[in-house]
Amino acid sequence: MTKPALSDLEAFAAIAHHRSFRKAADQLGLSRSTLSHTLIELEKTLGIRLLHRTTRSVSPTDAGARLLERIGPVLKDLDMALDGLAADVGEPSGRLRLNANKSAARFLLSHVVPPFLRRYPQVELDLVSEGRLVDIVQEGFDAGVRLAEAVPQDMIAVPVGGSVRFVAVASPDYLGAHSPPLTPDDLQRHVCIRQRLPSGKRYRWEFIRSGAEMAVDVPGALTLDDSDLMVDAAKDGLGIAYVPEPIARQALDAGQLVIVLPDWSPPLPGLMLYYPANRHTPAPLRAFIELLKDTNRRLTG
């Protein structure tokens, strides 16, 4: 029997793990047609069918499951060996896939990505920005970046920047026509710009003062799913918005927006980079984390 190429076995393992040609192709940086051709040729080489394939699903055959069980540890050991070699020569290489929400991606692009790419030119960084919270393992990402409260408990988490405040903001024109709210309950008598979460649910505004917590389902005719758009709508006088303070900072400094209920908006744990605790951490991710920690120390003093 002709021995298959290592890259072909890696392609099979990715497809079998994700049970999806699309997700495996995204992980490997290949087209789905190339990946499909690779799998067909691998099955011809081995003389056995490895995957059940329909228009809706992909799953290993019994032979495919046995092969995956046997080559999984070998591929993992190979990754660790190559990462160790990269560490020896001091030059991480390969692909690093990160999934982040929009505000996290903006922070990384401003503070971490430029020095990282200069320092490690052999690393290809794939930064995907989206609102929905994804399973980073199933989707083939090395790490994710989200607010601390959204990080799964079985993940290792590293702070990204410092704490963050969510603040209620309104334009001077709006506040000139409406008495400013003094407590979160007062928001029921205001026009608010509501937020739709990636899950489809509307976000209940959360406030804290002196240990007392309140979650308010605010009224309002306008619902948006993007903090930048909410800031724009608030600047236009369409109502009160509730957004991360850094997103509104430029408008606040320019006097286009004013914070209301400031005593109800203490700093909270902010963004976290997170990755699986029970998997080998590739060299590019380790290098990114070290640079991120240096950035945190520089920005937070």
C-alpha atoms as a PDB file:
ATOM      1  CA  MET A   1       0.000   0.000   0.000  1.00  0.00           C
ATOM      2  CA  THR A   2       1.257   3.454  -0.904  1.00  0.00           C
ATOM      3  CA  LYS A   3       1.701   5.569   2.219  1.00  0.00           C
ATOM      4  CA  PRO A   4      -0.497   8.680   2.230  1.00  0.00           C
ATOM      5  CA  ALA A   5       0.974  12.141   2.619  1.00  0.00           C
ATOM      6  CA  LEU A   6       0.922  13.627   6.101  1.00  0.00           C
ATOM      7  CA  SER A   7      -1.006  16.660   4.801  1.00  0.00           C
ATOM      8  CA  ASP A   8      -3.732  14.324   3.509  1.00  0.00           C
ATOM      9  CA  LEU A   9      -4.084  12.709   6.934  1.00  0.00           C
ATOM     10  CA  GLU A  10      -4.260  16.141   8.560  1.00  0.00           C
ATOM     11  CA  ALA A  11      -7.005  17.097   6.109  1.00  0.00           C
ATOM     12  CA  PHE A  12      -8.978  13.940   6.952  1.00  0.00           C
ATOM     13  CA  ALA A  13      -8.565  14.557  10.687  1.00  0.00           C
ATOM     14  CA  ALA A  14      -9.843  18.136  10.343  1.00  0.00           C
ATOM     15  CA  ILE A  15     -12.913  17.041   8.357  1.00  0.00           C
ATOM     16  CA  ALA A  16     -13.694  14.223  10.781  1.00  0.00           C
ATOM     17  CA  HIS A  17     -13.225  16.480  13.808  1.00  0.00           C
ATOM     18  CA  HIS A  18     -15.470  19.273  12.513  1.00  0.00           C
ATOM     19  CA  ARG A  19     -17.812  16.940  10.628  1.00  0.00           C
ATOM     20  CA  SER A  20     -17.855  19.652   8.029  1.00  0.00           C
ATOM     21  CA  PHE A  21     -15.846  20.296   4.861  1.00  0.00           C
ATOM     22  CA  ARG A  22     -16.485  24.044   5.182  1.00  0.00           C
ATOM     23  CA  LYS A  23     -15.202  24.337   8.735  1.00  0.00           C
ATOM     24  CA  ALA A  24     -12.203  22.114   8.000  1.00  0.00           C
ATOM     25  CA  ALA A  25     -11.395  24.170   4.904  1.00  0.00           C
ATOM     26  CA  ASP A  26     -11.527  27.363   6.977  1.00  0.00           C
ATOM     27  CA  GLN A  27      -9.167  25.854   9.553  1.00  0.00           C
ATOM     28  CA  LEU A  28      -6.664  24.648   6.955  1.00  0.00           C
ATOM     29  CA  GLY A  29      -6.900  27.663   4.665  1.00  0.00           C
ATOM     30  CA  LEU A  30      -8.010  25.555   1.681  1.00  0.00           C
ATOM     31  CA  SER A  31     -10.984  25.617  -0.642  1.00  0.00           C
ATOM     32  CA  ARG A  32     -13.739  23.055  -0.096  1.00  0.00           C
ATOM     33  CA  SER A  33     -13.183  21.627  -3.572  1.00  0.00           C
ATOM     34  CA  THR A  34      -9.474  21.103  -2.851  1.00  0.00           C
ATOM     35  CA  LEU A  35     -10.296  19.448   0.461  1.00  0.00           C
ATOM     36  CA  SER A  36     -12.898  17.188  -1.169  1.00  0.00           C
ATOM     37  CA  HIS A  37     -10.412  16.136  -3.843  1.00  0.00           C
ATOM     38  CA  THR A  38      -7.776  15.446  -1.162  1.00  0.00           C
ATOM     39  CA  LEU A  39     -10.171  13.179   0.737  1.00  0.00           C
ATOM     40  CA  ILE A  40     -11.153  11.277  -2.400  1.00  0.00           C
ATOM     41  CA  GLU A  41      -7.515  10.660  -3.287  1.00  0.00           C
ATOM     42  CA  LEU A  42      -6.749   9.557   0.295  1.00  0.00           C
ATOM     43  CA  GLU A  43      -9.583   7.024   0.200  1.00  0.00           C
ATOM     44  CA  LYS A  44      -8.281   5.732  -3.150  1.00  0.00           C
ATOM     45  CA  THR A  45      -4.769   5.409  -1.725  1.00  0.00           C
ATOM     46  CA  LEU A  46      -5.979   3.493   1.344  1.00  0.00           C
ATOM     47  CA  GLY A  47      -8.577   1.522  -0.586  1.00  0.00           C
ATOM     48  CA  ILE A  48     -11.298   2.175   1.975  1.00  0.00           C
ATOM     49  CA  ARG A  49     -14.066   4.678   2.595  1.00  0.00           C
ATOM     50  CA  LEU A  50     -13.280   6.980   5.537  1.00  0.00           C
ATOM     51  CA  LEU A  51     -16.298   9.293   5.664  1.00  0.00           C
ATOM     52  CA  HIS A  52     -20.024   9.032   5.147  1.00  0.00           C
ATOM     53  CA  ARG A  53     -20.986  12.103   3.081  1.00  0.00           C
ATOM     54  CA  THR A  54     -24.445  13.445   2.324  1.00  0.00           C
ATOM     55  CA  THR A  55     -25.632  16.915   1.307  1.00  0.00           C
ATOM     56  CA  ARG A  56     -26.384  17.627   4.983  1.00  0.00           C
ATOM     57  CA  SER A  57     -23.842  15.770   7.069  1.00  0.00           C
ATOM     58  CA  VAL A  58     -20.359  14.296   7.281  1.00  0.00           C
ATOM     59  CA  SER A  59     -19.382  11.526   9.697  1.00  0.00           C
ATOM     60  CA  PRO A  60     -16.562   8.962   9.937  1.00  0.00           C
ATOM     61  CA  THR A  61     -17.139   5.382   8.866  1.00  0.00           C
ATOM     62  CA  ASP A  62     -16.087   2.676  11.307  1.00  0.00           C
ATOM     63  CA  ALA A  63     -12.728   2.487   9.539  1.00  0.00           C
ATOM     64  CA  GLY A  64     -12.451   6.282   9.542  1.00  0.00           C
ATOM     65  CA  ALA A  65     -13.165   6.448  13.269  1.00  0.00           C
ATOM     66  CA  ARG A  66     -10.447   3.856  13.963  1.00  0.00           C
ATOM     67  CA  LEU A  67      -7.944   5.719  11.799  1.00  0.00           C
ATOM     68  CA  LEU A  68      -8.783   9.031  13.482  1.00  0.00           C
ATOM     69  CA  GLU A  69      -8.291   7.483  16.933  1.00  0.00           C
ATOM     70  CA  ARG A  70      -4.855   6.204  15.947  1.00  0.00           C
ATOM     71  CA  ILE A  71      -3.485   9.228  14.087  1.00  0.00           C
ATOM     72  CA  GLY A  72      -4.872  11.850  16.502  1.00  0.00           C
ATOM     73  CA  PRO A  73      -2.102  11.459  19.104  1.00  0.00           C
ATOM     74  CA  VAL A  74       0.522  11.237  16.343  1.00  0.00           C
ATOM     75  CA  LEU A  75      -0.584  14.512  14.767  1.00  0.00           C
ATOM     76  CA  LYS A  76      -0.702  16.181  18.179  1.00  0.00           C
ATOM     77  CA  ASP A  77       2.818  14.980  18.999  1.00  0.00           C
ATOM     78  CA  LEU A  78       4.013  16.261  15.629  1.00  0.00           C
ATOM     79  CA  ASP A  79       2.504  19.694  16.287  1.00  0.00           C
ATOM     80  CA  MET A  80       4.215  19.821  19.669  1.00  0.00           C
ATOM     81  CA  ALA A  81       7.537  18.774  18.142  1.00  0.00           C
ATOM     82  CA  LEU A  82       7.325  21.451  15.444  1.00  0.00           C
ATOM     83  CA  ASP A  83       6.326  24.065  18.008  1.00  0.00           C
ATOM     84  CA  GLY A  84       9.311  23.048  20.123  1.00  0.00           C
ATOM     85  CA  LEU A  85      11.575  23.433  17.116  1.00  0.00           C
ATOM     86  CA  ALA A  86      10.130  26.872  16.430  1.00  0.00           C
ATOM     87  CA  ALA A  87      10.817  27.831  20.041  1.00  0.00           C
ATOM     88  CA  ASP A  88      14.410  26.629  19.701  1.00  0.00           C
ATOM     89  CA  VAL A  89      15.031  28.920  16.741  1.00  0.00           C
ATOM     90  CA  GLY A  90      13.004  31.705  18.332  1.00  0.00           C
ATOM     91  CA  GLU A  91      10.691  32.138  15.363  1.00  0.00           C
ATOM     92  CA  PRO A  92       7.034  31.004  15.677  1.00  0.00           C
ATOM     93  CA  SER A  93       5.441  30.314  12.326  1.00  0.00           C
ATOM     94  CA  GLY A  94       2.191  29.067  10.877  1.00  0.00           C
ATOM     95  CA  ARG A  95      -1.388  30.249  11.134  1.00  0.00           C
ATOM     96  CA  LEU A  96      -3.047  31.820  14.179  1.00  0.00           C
ATOM     97  CA  ARG A  97      -6.856  32.015  14.075  1.00  0.00           C
ATOM     98  CA  LEU A  98      -8.635  34.316  16.534  1.00  0.00           C
ATOM     99  CA  ASN A  99     -12.351  35.025  16.899  1.00  0.00           C
ATOM    100  CA  ALA A 100     -13.358  38.311  18.534  1.00  0.00           C
ATOM    101  CA  ASN A 101     -16.250  40.698  18.793  1.00  0.00           C
ATOM    102  CA  LYS A 102     -15.937  44.058  17.079  1.00  0.00           C
ATOM    103  CA  SER A 103     -14.688  46.071  20.048  1.00  0.00           C
ATOM    104  CA  ALA A 104     -12.105  43.398  20.898  1.00  0.00           C
ATOM    105  CA  ALA A 105     -10.875  43.288  17.302  1.00  0.00           C
ATOM    106  CA  ARG A 106     -10.551  47.082  17.320  1.00  0.00           C
ATOM    107  CA  PHE A 107      -8.454  46.969  20.512  1.00  0.00           C
ATOM    108  CA  LEU A 108      -6.196  44.226  19.169  1.00  0.00           C
ATOM    109  CA  LEU A 109      -5.679  46.042  15.867  1.00  0.00           C
ATOM    110  CA  SER A 110      -4.752  49.228  17.709  1.00  0.00           C
ATOM    111  CA  HIS A 111      -2.433  47.820  20.371  1.00  0.00           C
ATOM    112  CA  VAL A 112      -1.346  44.223  19.762  1.00  0.00           C
ATOM    113  CA  VAL A 113      -1.523  43.161  16.116  1.00  0.00           C
ATOM    114  CA  PRO A 114       0.957  45.683  14.596  1.00  0.00           C
ATOM    115  CA  PRO A 115       3.878  44.829  16.938  1.00  0.00           C
ATOM    116  CA  PHE A 116       3.004  41.128  16.752  1.00  0.00           C
ATOM    117  CA  LEU A 117       3.205  41.055  12.953  1.00  0.00           C
ATOM    118  CA  ARG A 118       6.462  43.023  12.987  1.00  0.00           C
ATOM    119  CA  ARG A 119       8.017  40.700  15.547  1.00  0.00           C
ATOM    120  CA  TYR A 120       6.774  37.427  14.004  1.00  0.00           C
ATOM    121  CA  PRO A 121       6.679  37.814  10.212  1.00  0.00           C
ATOM    122  CA  GLN A 122       6.375  34.044   9.700  1.00  0.00           C
ATOM    123  CA  VAL A 123       2.957  33.956  11.410  1.00  0.00           C
ATOM    124  CA  GLU A 124      -0.219  34.408   9.373  1.00  0.00           C
ATOM    125  CA  LEU A 125      -2.854  36.009  11.610  1.00  0.00           C
ATOM    126  CA  ASP A 126      -6.502  35.327  10.770  1.00  0.00           C
ATOM    127  CA  LEU A 127      -8.690  37.599  12.929  1.00  0.00           C
ATOM    128  CA  VAL A 128     -12.424  36.997  12.497  1.00  0.00           C
ATOM    129  CA  SER A 129     -14.757  39.659  13.915  1.00  0.00           C
ATOM    130  CA  GLU A 130     -18.370  38.717  14.563  1.00  0.00           C
ATOM    131  CA  GLY A 131     -21.062  39.347  17.133  1.00  0.00           C
ATOM    132  CA  ARG A 132     -22.192  35.801  17.816  1.00  0.00           C
ATOM    133  CA  LEU A 133     -20.421  33.769  20.465  1.00  0.00           C
ATOM    134  CA  VAL A 134     -18.921  30.717  18.754  1.00  0.00           C
ATOM    135  CA  ASP A 135     -17.479  27.441  19.988  1.00  0.00           C
ATOM    136  CA  ILE A 136     -13.846  28.177  19.175  1.00  0.00           C
ATOM    137  CA  VAL A 137     -12.861  24.501  19.256  1.00  0.00           C
ATOM    138  CA  GLN A 138     -15.627  23.356  16.912  1.00  0.00           C
ATOM    139  CA  GLU A 139     -15.056  26.313  14.586  1.00  0.00           C
ATOM    140  CA  GLY A 140     -11.311  25.707  14.351  1.00  0.00           C
ATOM    141  CA  PHE A 141     -10.049  28.814  16.171  1.00  0.00           C
ATOM    142  CA  ASP A 142      -6.977  28.859  18.388  1.00  0.00           C
ATOM    143  CA  ALA A 143      -8.503  31.416  20.767  1.00  0.00           C
ATOM    144  CA  GLY A 144     -11.428  33.787  21.222  1.00  0.00           C
ATOM    145  CA  VAL A 145     -11.817  37.250  22.735  1.00  0.00           C
ATOM    146  CA  ARG A 146     -15.022  38.225  24.525  1.00  0.00           C
ATOM    147  CA  LEU A 147     -16.210  39.961  27.685  1.00  0.00           C
ATOM    148  CA  ALA A 148     -15.249  38.051  30.822  1.00  0.00           C
ATOM    149  CA  GLU A 149     -18.832  37.090  31.616  1.00  0.00           C
ATOM    150  CA  ALA A 150     -19.141  35.263  28.269  1.00  0.00           C
ATOM    151  CA  VAL A 151     -15.977  33.137  28.587  1.00  0.00           C
ATOM    152  CA  PRO A 152     -16.724  29.412  29.139  1.00  0.00           C
ATOM    153  CA  GLN A 153     -15.561  28.193  32.546  1.00  0.00           C
ATOM    154  CA  ASP A 154     -13.361  25.421  31.144  1.00  0.00           C
ATOM    155  CA  MET A 155     -11.146  27.898  29.291  1.00  0.00           C
ATOM    156  CA  ILE A 156      -7.899  29.618  30.287  1.00  0.00           C
ATOM    157  CA  ALA A 157      -8.489  33.391  30.200  1.00  0.00           C
ATOM    158  CA  VAL A 158      -6.014  36.254  29.806  1.00  0.00           C
ATOM    159  CA  PRO A 159      -7.123  39.904  30.321  1.00  0.00           C
ATOM    160  CA  VAL A 160      -7.221  42.111  27.238  1.00  0.00           C
ATOM    161  CA  GLY A 161      -6.739  45.691  28.391  1.00  0.00           C
ATOM    162  CA  GLY A 162      -8.226  46.701  31.725  1.00  0.00           C
ATOM    163  CA  SER A 163     -11.687  46.889  33.225  1.00  0.00           C
ATOM    164  CA  VAL A 164     -14.511  48.515  31.284  1.00  0.00           C
ATOM    165  CA  ARG A 165     -17.634  50.493  32.121  1.00  0.00           C
ATOM    166  CA  PHE A 166     -20.955  50.230  30.349  1.00  0.00           C
ATOM    167  CA  VAL A 167     -22.546  53.669  30.400  1.00  0.00           C
ATOM    168  CA  ALA A 168     -25.890  55.177  29.510  1.00  0.00           C
ATOM    169  CA  VAL A 169     -25.351  58.127  27.165  1.00  0.00           C
ATOM    170  CA  ALA A 170     -27.536  60.736  25.520  1.00  0.00           C
ATOM    171  CA  SER A 171     -27.028  63.857  23.417  1.00  0.00           C
ATOM    172  CA  PRO A 172     -27.265  67.355  24.941  1.00  0.00           C
ATOM    173  CA  ASP A 173     -30.256  68.033  22.689  1.00  0.00           C
ATOM    174  CA  TYR A 174     -32.106  64.990  24.015  1.00  0.00           C
ATOM    175  CA  LEU A 175     -31.345  65.918  27.625  1.00  0.00           C
ATOM    176  CA  GLY A 176     -32.450  69.480  26.912  1.00  0.00           C
ATOM    177  CA  ALA A 177     -35.880  68.147  25.991  1.00  0.00           C
ATOM    178  CA  HIS A 178     -36.105  65.449  28.694  1.00  0.00           C
ATOM    179  CA  SER A 179     -35.256  65.547  32.392  1.00  0.00           C
ATOM    180  CA  PRO A 180     -32.151  63.361  32.958  1.00  0.00           C
ATOM    181  CA  PRO A 181     -32.869  60.031  34.711  1.00  0.00           C
ATOM    182  CA  LEU A 182     -31.737  59.911  38.340  1.00  0.00           C
ATOM    183  CA  THR A 183     -32.214  56.158  38.856  1.00  0.00           C
ATOM    184  CA  PRO A 184     -32.426  53.216  36.454  1.00  0.00           C
ATOM    185  CA  ASP A 185     -36.190  53.054  37.103  1.00  0.00           C
ATOM    186  CA  ASP A 186     -36.488  56.522  35.551  1.00  0.00           C
ATOM    187  CA  LEU A 187     -35.499  55.025  32.197  1.00  0.00           C
ATOM    188  CA  GLN A 188     -39.043  53.690  31.900  1.00  0.00           C
ATOM    189  CA  ARG A 189     -40.135  57.278  31.190  1.00  0.00           C
ATOM    190  CA  HIS A 190     -37.473  57.826  28.509  1.00  0.00           C
ATOM    191  CA  VAL A 191     -36.876  56.914  24.891  1.00  0.00           C
ATOM    192  CA  CYS A 192     -34.113  54.304  24.822  1.00  0.00           C
ATOM    193  CA  ILE A 193     -32.136  52.735  22.002  1.00  0.00           C
ATOM    194  CA  ARG A 194     -32.375  49.046  22.697  1.00  0.00           C
ATOM    195  CA  GLN A 195     -29.844  46.387  21.760  1.00  0.00           C
ATOM    196  CA  ARG A 196     -30.429  43.037  20.081  1.00  0.00           C
ATOM    197  CA  LEU A 197     -27.975  40.354  21.196  1.00  0.00           C
ATOM    198  CA  PRO A 198     -26.500  37.829  18.719  1.00  0.00           C
ATOM    199  CA  SER A 199     -28.776  35.214  20.300  1.00  0.00           C
ATOM    200  CA  GLY A 200     -31.787  37.241  19.153  1.00  0.00           C
ATOM    201  CA  LYS A 201     -32.770  38.371  22.644  1.00  0.00           C
ATOM    202  CA  ARG A 202     -32.959  42.024  23.615  1.00  0.00           C
ATOM    203  CA  TYR A 203     -30.351  43.078  26.159  1.00  0.00           C
ATOM    204  CA  ARG A 204     -31.544  44.167  29.610  1.00  0.00           C
ATOM    205  CA  TRP A 205     -29.454  47.122  30.784  1.00  0.00           C
ATOM    206  CA  GLU A 206     -27.508  46.197  33.924  1.00  0.00           C
ATOM    207  CA  PHE A 207     -26.636  48.704  36.656  1.00  0.00           C
ATOM    208  CA  ILE A 208     -24.802  48.411  40.001  1.00  0.00           C
ATOM    209  CA  ARG A 209     -24.509  50.836  42.927  1.00  0.00           C
ATOM    210  CA  SER A 210     -23.339  50.090  46.474  1.00  0.00           C
ATOM    211  CA  GLY A 211     -23.646  46.378  45.810  1.00  0.00           C
ATOM    212  CA  ALA A 212     -27.239  46.673  44.569  1.00  0.00           C
ATOM    213  CA  GLU A 213     -27.788  45.300  41.049  1.00  0.00           C
ATOM    214  CA  MET A 214     -30.612  46.166  38.667  1.00  0.00           C
ATOM    215  CA  ALA A 215     -31.502  44.841  35.200  1.00  0.00           C
ATOM    216  CA  VAL A 216     -33.905  47.050  33.269  1.00  0.00           C
ATOM    217  CA  ASP A 217     -35.856  46.107  30.152  1.00  0.00           C
ATOM    218  CA  VAL A 218     -35.939  49.632  28.779  1.00  0.00           C
ATOM    219  CA  PRO A 219     -38.631  50.974  26.441  1.00  0.00           C
ATOM    220  CA  GLY A 220     -37.864  52.285  22.976  1.00  0.00           C
ATOM    221  CA  ALA A 221     -38.980  52.112  19.360  1.00  0.00           C
ATOM    222  CA  LEU A 222     -35.479  51.556  17.924  1.00  0.00           C
ATOM    223  CA  THR A 223     -33.451  48.355  18.407  1.00  0.00           C
ATOM    224  CA  LEU A 224     -29.926  47.936  16.994  1.00  0.00           C
ATOM    225  CA  ASP A 225     -27.310  45.181  17.129  1.00  0.00           C
ATOM    226  CA  ASP A 226     -24.113  47.241  16.955  1.00  0.00           C
ATOM    227  CA  SER A 227     -22.633  49.558  19.610  1.00  0.00           C
ATOM    228  CA  ASP A 228     -21.177  51.974  17.056  1.00  0.00           C
ATOM    229  CA  LEU A 229     -24.598  52.396  15.480  1.00  0.00           C
ATOM    230  CA  MET A 230     -26.132  52.918  18.922  1.00  0.00           C
ATOM    231  CA  VAL A 231     -23.631  55.718  19.587  1.00  0.00           C
ATOM    232  CA  ASP A 232     -24.497  57.325  16.240  1.00  0.00           C
ATOM    233  CA  ALA A 233     -28.209  57.109  17.012  1.00  0.00           C
ATOM    234  CA  ALA A 234     -27.686  58.655  20.452  1.00  0.00           C
ATOM    235  CA  LYS A 235     -25.646  61.511  18.932  1.00  0.00           C
ATOM    236  CA  ASP A 236     -28.571  62.181  16.587  1.00  0.00           C
ATOM    237  CA  GLY A 237     -30.872  62.614  19.589  1.00  0.00           C
ATOM    238  CA  LEU A 238     -32.868  59.422  19.031  1.00  0.00           C
ATOM    239  CA  GLY A 239     -32.692  58.436  22.692  1.00  0.00           C
ATOM    240  CA  ILE A 240     -30.473  57.061  25.460  1.00  0.00           C
ATOM    241  CA  ALA A 241     -28.017  54.306  24.529  1.00  0.00           C
ATOM    242  CA  TYR A 242     -26.153  51.867  26.757  1.00  0.00           C
ATOM    243  CA  VAL A 243     -22.689  51.043  25.423  1.00  0.00           C
ATOM    244  CA  PRO A 244     -19.097  50.280  26.502  1.00  0.00           C
ATOM    245  CA  GLU A 245     -17.486  53.583  27.489  1.00  0.00           C
ATOM    246  CA  PRO A 246     -14.533  53.215  25.061  1.00  0.00           C
ATOM    247  CA  ILE A 247     -16.985  53.011  22.143  1.00  0.00           C
ATOM    248  CA  ALA A 248     -18.545  56.329  23.173  1.00  0.00           C
ATOM    249  CA  ARG A 249     -15.328  58.032  24.332  1.00  0.00           C
ATOM    250  CA  GLN A 250     -14.728  60.113  21.197  1.00  0.00           C
ATOM    251  CA  ALA A 251     -18.286  61.445  21.215  1.00  0.00           C
ATOM    252  CA  LEU A 252     -18.093  62.118  24.954  1.00  0.00           C
ATOM    253  CA  ASP A 253     -14.835  64.057  24.598  1.00  0.00           C
ATOM    254  CA  ALA A 254     -16.347  66.063  21.741  1.00  0.00           C
ATOM    255  CA  GLY A 255     -19.393  66.988  23.830  1.00  0.00           C
ATOM    256  CA  GLN A 256     -21.722  65.128  21.473  1.00  0.00           C
ATOM    257  CA  LEU A 257     -22.809  62.772  24.243  1.00  0.00           C
ATOM    258  CA  VAL A 258     -23.216  62.996  28.027  1.00  0.00           C
ATOM    259  CA  ILE A 259     -23.148  60.125  30.530  1.00  0.00           C
ATOM    260  CA  VAL A 260     -26.311  59.748  32.599  1.00  0.00           C
ATOM    261  CA  LEU A 261     -26.578  57.611  35.746  1.00  0.00           C
ATOM    262  CA  PRO A 262     -22.762  57.689  36.230  1.00  0.00           C
ATOM    263  CA  ASP A 263     -23.022  56.428  39.837  1.00  0.00           C
ATOM    264  CA  TRP A 264     -24.708  53.276  38.548  1.00  0.00           C
ATOM    265  CA  SER A 265     -21.883  52.357  36.139  1.00  0.00           C
ATOM    266  CA  PRO A 266     -18.820  51.032  38.030  1.00  0.00           C
ATOM    267  CA  PRO A 267     -15.893  49.417  36.179  1.00  0.00           C
ATOM    268  CA  LEU A 268     -16.364  45.708  35.494  1.00  0.00           C
ATOM    269  CA  PRO A 269     -14.022  42.942  34.268  1.00  0.00           C
ATOM    270  CA  GLY A 270     -13.431  43.636  30.601  1.00  0.00           C
ATOM    271  CA  LEU A 271     -12.313  41.611  27.623  1.00  0.00           C
ATOM    272  CA  MET A 272     -10.553  38.268  27.909  1.00  0.00           C
ATOM    273  CA  LEU A 273      -8.592  36.203  25.431  1.00  0.00           C
ATOM    274  CA  TYR A 274      -9.468  32.570  26.111  1.00  0.00           C
ATOM    275  CA  TYR A 275      -8.330  29.184  24.829  1.00  0.00           C
ATOM    276  CA  PRO A 276      -8.799  25.508  25.767  1.00  0.00           C
ATOM    277  CA  ALA A 277      -7.080  24.331  28.926  1.00  0.00           C
ATOM    278  CA  ASN A 278      -6.811  20.703  27.807  1.00  0.00           C
ATOM    279  CA  ARG A 279      -5.163  21.209  24.416  1.00  0.00           C
ATOM    280  CA  HIS A 280      -1.617  21.913  23.302  1.00  0.00           C
ATOM    281  CA  THR A 281      -1.064  25.662  22.927  1.00  0.00           C
ATOM    282  CA  PRO A 282       0.638  26.374  19.576  1.00  0.00           C
ATOM    283  CA  ALA A 283       3.735  28.559  19.471  1.00  0.00           C
ATOM    284  CA  PRO A 284       2.059  31.473  17.596  1.00  0.00           C
ATOM    285  CA  LEU A 285      -0.647  31.685  20.265  1.00  0.00           C
ATOM    286  CA  ARG A 286       1.910  31.563  23.088  1.00  0.00           C
ATOM    287  CA  ALA A 287       3.810  34.418  21.424  1.00  0.00           C
ATOM    288  CA  PHE A 288       0.595  36.419  20.987  1.00  0.00           C
ATOM    289  CA  ILE A 289      -0.320  35.937  24.653  1.00  0.00           C
ATOM    290  CA  GLU A 290       3.097  37.117  25.848  1.00  0.00           C
ATOM    291  CA  LEU A 291       2.839  40.253  23.735  1.00  0.00           C
ATOM    292  CA  LEU A 292      -0.709  40.805  24.993  1.00  0.00           C
ATOM    293  CA  LYS A 293       0.490  40.599  28.605  1.00  0.00           C
ATOM    294  CA  ASP A 294       3.223  43.154  27.848  1.00  0.00           C
ATOM    295  CA  THR A 295       0.573  45.414  26.311  1.00  0.00           C
ATOM    296  CA  ASN A 296      -1.651  45.076  29.383  1.00  0.00           C
ATOM    297  CA  ARG A 297       1.202  46.057  31.690  1.00  0.00           C
ATOM    298  CA  ARG A 298       1.999  49.074  29.538  1.00  0.00           C
ATOM    299  CA  LEU A 299      -1.588  50.307  29.319  1.00  0.00           C
ATOM    300  CA  THR A 300      -2.664  49.626  32.906  1.00  0.00           C
ATOM    301  CA  GLY A 301       0.588  50.687  34.573  1.00  0.00           C
END
